[in-house]
Protein backbone atom coordinates (compact mmCIF):
# COMPACT_ATOMS: atom_id res chain seq x y z
CA MET A 1 -25.16 59.63 -37.68
CA THR A 2 -22.31 58.16 -35.65
CA ALA A 3 -19.73 55.91 -37.26
CA LEU A 4 -20.38 52.17 -37.16
CA LEU A 5 -18.78 50.61 -34.07
CA THR A 6 -16.25 47.98 -35.15
CA GLY A 7 -13.16 46.20 -33.84
CA CYS A 8 -12.01 45.26 -30.35
CA TYR A 9 -13.32 47.09 -27.30
CA THR A 10 -11.93 46.19 -23.88
CA ALA A 11 -14.39 45.77 -21.00
CA LEU A 12 -12.02 47.39 -18.53
CA VAL A 13 -11.41 46.13 -15.02
CA THR A 14 -11.55 48.64 -12.17
CA PRO A 15 -8.32 48.52 -10.13
CA PHE A 16 -8.55 49.04 -6.38
CA ALA A 17 -5.93 50.40 -4.00
CA ALA A 18 -4.90 48.67 -0.77
CA ASP A 19 -7.57 50.59 1.17
CA GLY A 20 -10.28 49.43 -1.26
CA SER A 21 -10.68 52.75 -3.06
CA PHE A 22 -10.55 53.25 -6.82
CA ASP A 23 -6.91 53.15 -7.93
CA GLU A 24 -7.09 55.93 -10.50
CA PRO A 25 -3.38 56.04 -11.43
CA ALA A 26 -3.38 52.29 -12.20
CA PHE A 27 -6.58 52.67 -14.20
CA ARG A 28 -5.21 55.55 -16.25
CA GLY A 29 -2.11 53.47 -16.92
CA LEU A 30 -4.30 50.63 -18.20
CA VAL A 31 -6.10 53.02 -20.56
CA ASP A 32 -2.82 54.30 -22.01
CA TRP A 33 -1.50 50.76 -22.44
CA GLN A 34 -4.70 49.55 -24.11
CA LEU A 35 -4.57 52.35 -26.66
CA ALA A 36 -0.86 51.90 -27.31
CA GLU A 37 -1.59 48.23 -28.06
CA GLY A 38 -4.17 49.10 -30.72
CA MET A 39 -7.52 48.94 -28.95
CA ASN A 40 -10.48 50.35 -30.89
CA GLY A 41 -12.62 51.34 -27.91
CA LEU A 42 -13.00 51.13 -24.14
CA VAL A 43 -15.93 49.97 -22.00
CA PRO A 44 -15.58 51.07 -18.36
CA VAL A 45 -17.89 50.20 -15.44
CA GLY A 46 -19.50 47.11 -16.91
CA SER A 47 -19.70 43.78 -15.12
CA THR A 48 -15.95 43.26 -15.72
CA GLY A 49 -15.43 46.65 -14.06
CA GLU A 50 -17.36 45.52 -10.95
CA ALA A 51 -19.98 48.22 -11.46
CA ALA A 52 -22.33 46.40 -9.07
CA THR A 53 -20.10 47.32 -6.13
CA LEU A 54 -19.20 50.85 -7.22
CA SER A 55 -21.18 53.78 -5.85
CA PRO A 56 -22.81 56.11 -8.40
CA ASP A 57 -20.10 58.71 -7.71
CA GLU A 58 -17.35 56.12 -8.17
CA ARG A 59 -18.83 54.99 -11.47
CA LEU A 60 -18.79 58.56 -12.74
CA ARG A 61 -15.23 59.02 -11.51
CA VAL A 62 -14.07 55.92 -13.41
CA VAL A 63 -15.81 57.04 -16.60
CA ARG A 64 -14.42 60.56 -16.28
CA ALA A 65 -10.89 59.19 -15.85
CA CYS A 66 -11.35 56.94 -18.88
CA VAL A 67 -12.63 59.81 -21.03
CA GLU A 68 -9.84 62.14 -19.93
CA GLN A 69 -7.11 59.57 -20.51
CA ALA A 70 -8.51 58.41 -23.87
CA ALA A 71 -8.66 62.07 -24.92
CA GLY A 72 -10.93 61.42 -27.89
CA ARG A 73 -8.72 58.75 -29.43
CA VAL A 74 -11.38 56.01 -29.26
CA PRO A 75 -15.04 55.67 -28.27
CA VAL A 76 -15.75 55.29 -24.55
CA VAL A 77 -18.84 53.13 -24.05
CA ALA A 78 -19.80 53.55 -20.40
CA GLY A 79 -21.85 50.96 -18.53
CA ALA A 80 -25.06 52.70 -17.49
CA GLY A 81 -27.60 49.88 -17.24
CA GLY A 82 -29.94 48.85 -14.47
CA ASN A 83 -33.31 47.39 -13.60
CA ASP A 84 -35.00 50.72 -12.90
CA THR A 85 -35.67 52.50 -16.19
CA ARG A 86 -35.91 55.93 -14.56
CA LEU A 87 -32.57 55.46 -12.79
CA ALA A 88 -30.98 54.14 -15.98
CA ILE A 89 -32.05 57.35 -17.74
CA GLU A 90 -30.58 59.49 -14.95
CA THR A 91 -27.36 57.49 -15.08
CA SER A 92 -27.20 57.86 -18.86
CA LYS A 93 -27.41 61.63 -18.62
CA ALA A 94 -24.73 61.73 -15.92
CA MET A 95 -22.38 59.46 -17.92
CA ALA A 96 -22.84 61.61 -21.02
CA ALA A 97 -22.14 64.74 -18.95
CA VAL A 98 -18.68 63.44 -17.99
CA GLY A 99 -17.88 62.68 -21.63
CA ALA A 100 -18.91 59.11 -22.50
CA SER A 101 -19.38 58.86 -26.27
CA HIS A 102 -21.76 55.88 -26.01
CA LEU A 103 -23.58 53.97 -23.28
CA LEU A 104 -23.84 50.24 -22.65
CA HIS A 105 -27.27 49.20 -21.38
CA VAL A 106 -27.88 45.65 -20.24
CA SER A 107 -31.26 43.97 -20.52
CA PRO A 108 -32.96 44.21 -17.09
CA ALA A 109 -31.82 41.49 -14.68
CA TYR A 110 -33.81 39.65 -12.03
CA SER A 111 -37.18 41.26 -12.81
CA LYS A 112 -37.28 39.30 -16.11
CA PRO A 113 -39.67 41.51 -18.11
CA PRO A 114 -41.34 40.05 -21.20
CA GLN A 115 -39.91 40.99 -24.58
CA ARG A 116 -42.33 43.92 -24.92
CA GLY A 117 -41.11 45.19 -21.53
CA ILE A 118 -37.50 44.97 -22.69
CA ILE A 119 -38.43 46.97 -25.79
CA ALA A 120 -40.24 49.62 -23.74
CA HIS A 121 -37.29 49.87 -21.32
CA PHE A 122 -34.68 50.41 -24.02
CA ARG A 123 -36.82 52.76 -26.10
CA ALA A 124 -37.42 55.00 -23.08
CA ILE A 125 -33.68 55.13 -22.41
CA ALA A 126 -32.81 55.77 -26.06
CA ASP A 127 -35.39 58.55 -26.31
CA ALA A 128 -33.85 60.32 -23.32
CA SER A 129 -30.14 59.61 -23.78
CA PRO A 130 -27.91 62.41 -25.10
CA VAL A 131 -25.54 59.83 -26.67
CA PRO A 132 -26.00 56.57 -28.62
CA ILE A 133 -26.80 53.25 -26.94
CA MET A 134 -25.24 49.79 -27.23
CA LEU A 135 -27.65 47.08 -26.08
CA TYR A 136 -26.27 44.20 -24.02
CA ASN A 137 -27.83 40.74 -24.04
CA VAL A 138 -26.28 38.42 -21.45
CA PRO A 139 -28.79 35.76 -20.36
CA GLY A 140 -26.25 34.10 -18.05
CA ARG A 141 -26.39 37.18 -15.82
CA THR A 142 -29.87 38.57 -16.45
CA ALA A 143 -31.81 35.25 -16.48
CA SER A 144 -33.66 36.27 -19.64
CA ASN A 145 -32.74 36.27 -23.33
CA MET A 146 -33.32 39.24 -25.59
CA GLU A 147 -34.62 37.54 -28.71
CA ALA A 148 -33.42 38.43 -32.20
CA GLU A 149 -36.81 39.90 -33.08
CA THR A 150 -36.58 42.17 -30.03
CA THR A 151 -33.07 43.34 -30.87
CA LEU A 152 -34.08 44.07 -34.46
CA ALA A 153 -37.12 46.06 -33.34
CA LEU A 154 -34.87 48.15 -31.11
CA ALA A 155 -32.26 48.52 -33.87
CA GLU A 156 -34.73 50.67 -35.80
CA HIS A 157 -34.34 53.40 -33.16
CA PRO A 158 -31.82 55.96 -34.46
CA ASN A 159 -30.15 56.29 -31.04
CA ILE A 160 -29.59 52.52 -30.65
CA VAL A 161 -26.48 51.74 -32.67
CA ALA A 162 -25.17 48.33 -31.56
CA VAL A 163 -25.74 45.18 -29.56
CA LYS A 164 -23.23 43.33 -27.43
CA GLU A 165 -24.50 39.78 -27.90
CA ALA A 166 -23.43 37.38 -25.14
CA SER A 167 -26.16 34.78 -25.54
CA GLY A 168 -23.63 32.29 -26.89
CA ASN A 169 -26.16 31.55 -29.63
CA LEU A 170 -24.47 32.12 -32.99
CA ALA A 171 -27.70 31.33 -34.85
CA GLN A 172 -29.46 34.13 -32.98
CA MET A 173 -26.58 36.51 -33.70
CA SER A 174 -26.63 35.55 -37.38
CA GLU A 175 -30.34 36.33 -37.57
CA ILE A 176 -29.64 39.81 -36.20
CA ILE A 177 -26.81 40.29 -38.70
CA ARG A 178 -29.07 39.20 -41.58
CA HIS A 179 -31.70 41.84 -40.88
CA ARG A 180 -29.86 44.67 -39.09
CA PRO A 181 -30.18 48.25 -40.37
CA ALA A 182 -27.05 49.81 -41.85
CA HIS A 183 -26.25 51.94 -38.78
CA PHE A 184 -26.35 48.98 -36.35
CA SER A 185 -23.31 46.92 -35.24
CA VAL A 186 -23.47 43.36 -33.97
CA ILE A 187 -20.68 42.87 -31.43
CA SER A 188 -19.76 39.64 -29.65
CA GLY A 189 -19.84 39.56 -25.86
CA ASP A 190 -18.05 36.19 -25.75
CA ASP A 191 -14.32 36.18 -26.56
CA PRO A 192 -14.24 32.64 -28.04
CA LEU A 193 -16.98 33.58 -30.54
CA THR A 194 -15.19 36.65 -31.91
CA LEU A 195 -13.87 34.98 -35.04
CA GLY A 196 -17.11 33.12 -35.74
CA LEU A 197 -19.25 36.22 -35.34
CA ILE A 198 -17.06 38.36 -37.61
CA ALA A 199 -16.99 35.56 -40.20
CA ALA A 200 -20.80 35.60 -40.11
CA GLY A 201 -20.81 39.35 -40.82
CA GLY A 202 -20.50 40.79 -37.32
CA HIS A 203 -18.38 43.75 -36.34
CA GLY A 204 -16.15 42.94 -33.36
CA ILE A 205 -15.95 42.11 -29.67
CA VAL A 206 -16.37 43.71 -26.27
CA SER A 207 -13.56 41.68 -24.78
CA VAL A 208 -12.64 40.55 -21.30
CA VAL A 209 -9.40 38.80 -22.23
CA SER A 210 -8.02 41.91 -23.96
CA ASN A 211 -7.50 43.45 -20.52
CA ALA A 212 -4.33 41.33 -20.41
CA THR A 213 -3.81 40.60 -24.12
CA PRO A 214 -4.89 43.75 -25.94
CA ARG A 215 -2.56 43.52 -28.94
CA PRO A 216 -3.39 39.96 -30.09
CA MET A 217 -7.14 40.48 -29.58
CA ALA A 218 -7.08 43.77 -31.48
CA GLU A 219 -5.04 42.13 -34.23
CA LEU A 220 -7.43 39.17 -34.41
CA CYS A 221 -10.30 41.57 -35.03
CA ARG A 222 -8.40 43.60 -37.60
CA ALA A 223 -7.38 40.49 -39.49
CA ALA A 224 -10.87 39.01 -39.52
CA LEU A 225 -12.56 42.28 -40.46
CA SER A 226 -10.13 42.72 -43.36
CA GLY A 227 -10.75 39.16 -44.59
CA ASP A 228 -7.36 37.74 -43.54
CA TYR A 229 -8.87 34.64 -41.98
CA ALA A 230 -5.61 32.68 -42.00
CA ARG A 231 -4.06 35.22 -39.64
CA ALA A 232 -7.24 35.57 -37.61
CA ARG A 233 -7.46 31.80 -37.19
CA GLU A 234 -3.82 31.63 -36.09
CA LEU A 235 -4.46 34.25 -33.40
CA HIS A 236 -7.73 32.62 -32.35
CA LEU A 237 -6.00 29.28 -31.78
CA ARG A 238 -3.12 30.91 -29.91
CA LEU A 239 -5.61 32.70 -27.64
CA THR A 240 -7.89 29.69 -27.09
CA PRO A 241 -6.21 28.51 -23.84
CA TRP A 242 -6.50 32.06 -22.48
CA PHE A 243 -10.17 32.25 -23.53
CA ALA A 244 -10.75 29.25 -21.25
CA ALA A 245 -8.45 30.26 -18.40
CA ALA A 246 -9.94 33.76 -18.22
CA PHE A 247 -13.25 32.22 -17.14
CA VAL A 248 -11.99 29.41 -14.91
CA GLU A 249 -13.77 31.34 -12.15
CA SER A 250 -16.27 34.19 -12.34
CA ASN A 251 -15.21 37.22 -14.36
CA PRO A 252 -13.23 39.35 -13.48
CA LEU A 253 -11.36 37.14 -10.99
CA PRO A 254 -8.96 35.50 -13.47
CA VAL A 255 -8.30 38.60 -15.56
CA LYS A 256 -7.53 40.67 -12.46
CA ALA A 257 -5.18 37.91 -11.31
CA ALA A 258 -3.52 37.98 -14.74
CA LEU A 259 -3.02 41.75 -14.65
CA ALA A 260 -1.55 41.45 -11.16
CA MET A 261 0.88 38.79 -12.42
CA MET A 262 1.89 41.27 -15.12
CA GLY A 263 2.49 43.99 -12.52
CA ARG A 264 -0.20 46.32 -13.85
CA ILE A 265 -2.66 46.34 -10.92
CA GLY A 266 -3.09 44.91 -7.44
CA ASN A 267 -5.18 41.75 -7.29
CA ARG A 268 -8.00 43.32 -5.28
CA LEU A 269 -11.76 42.91 -5.65
CA ARG A 270 -14.79 44.01 -3.68
CA LEU A 271 -16.95 41.54 -1.80
CA PRO A 272 -18.76 39.38 -2.62
CA LEU A 273 -16.02 38.84 -5.23
CA VAL A 274 -12.73 37.43 -3.94
CA PRO A 275 -9.33 36.83 -5.58
CA MET A 276 -8.99 33.83 -7.87
CA ASP A 277 -8.16 30.51 -6.18
CA GLN A 278 -4.40 29.98 -6.28
CA LYS A 279 -4.88 26.50 -7.73
CA HIS A 280 -5.65 28.17 -11.08
CA GLU A 281 -2.56 30.40 -11.10
CA GLN A 282 -0.31 28.17 -13.20
CA ARG A 283 -3.03 27.61 -15.77
CA VAL A 284 -3.49 31.36 -16.14
CA ARG A 285 0.27 31.95 -16.39
CA ASP A 286 0.66 29.26 -19.03
CA ALA A 287 -2.28 30.57 -21.06
CA LEU A 288 -0.90 34.13 -20.96
CA SER A 289 2.46 32.87 -22.16
CA THR A 290 0.89 30.96 -25.04
CA ALA A 291 -1.19 34.01 -25.97
CA GLY A 292 1.92 36.17 -26.16
CA ALA A 293 0.98 38.50 -23.31
CA THR A 294 3.51 41.24 -22.66
CA SER A 295 3.79 43.26 -19.48
């Protein structure tokens, strides 16, 4: 059985070069920096990584680069989800073949299956996947909520080891925590809820803001998981302005702008995403400063 997933995992952005291609050197630099700052795991090609506008080959290239650069130091949880169960299975096998240790699978978007359809979808993927699965519940993007009862039914599958819960519903998350099997982690998908979820018995965060502030987010998780809530609260309050500024426009616009301000990547996105409106720039700069971001 794999080790319980805990701590802070960065949902990595995908840097692009001036010609719009994947900027692999910048990405590898981000991976090295994240690990030097104490990150517990990496999540490439999720929504923060603009997976929707990456080709299948590009997604594999990003995951391969992440795996190679991480070199076994931390888990690499590759985004492999989709609406088509058969394609999600094919993608899972391909991601595992390039070295992903785990796979992140989002609840199907747009088609809005009933809860029994969500269960059937994830069980089929878990049965076929060569590596363990982290479920992802994000109703704001999928237009359907994966209910606690559904998550707990799926948690009984030995190849489903965690859920990234981004419902924003702490009561729902607490219900999952209450009844989860021992091998199953409950991970926040909302940065501002990290402290609250860990205090309720959860296990960490798949973080957007840690792209630019890896050390304080990793330290927040370590403090909370070790029971040092005074320190965790201090970090939470210091990061609160950045939690807000990082979502002043759609993710990953602000966090890519922040990384560009820090000189780590170019501020480039693929349509239909566009760079953050300049009117938000000072707010982002101020929030990064308060959070203690270091370039």
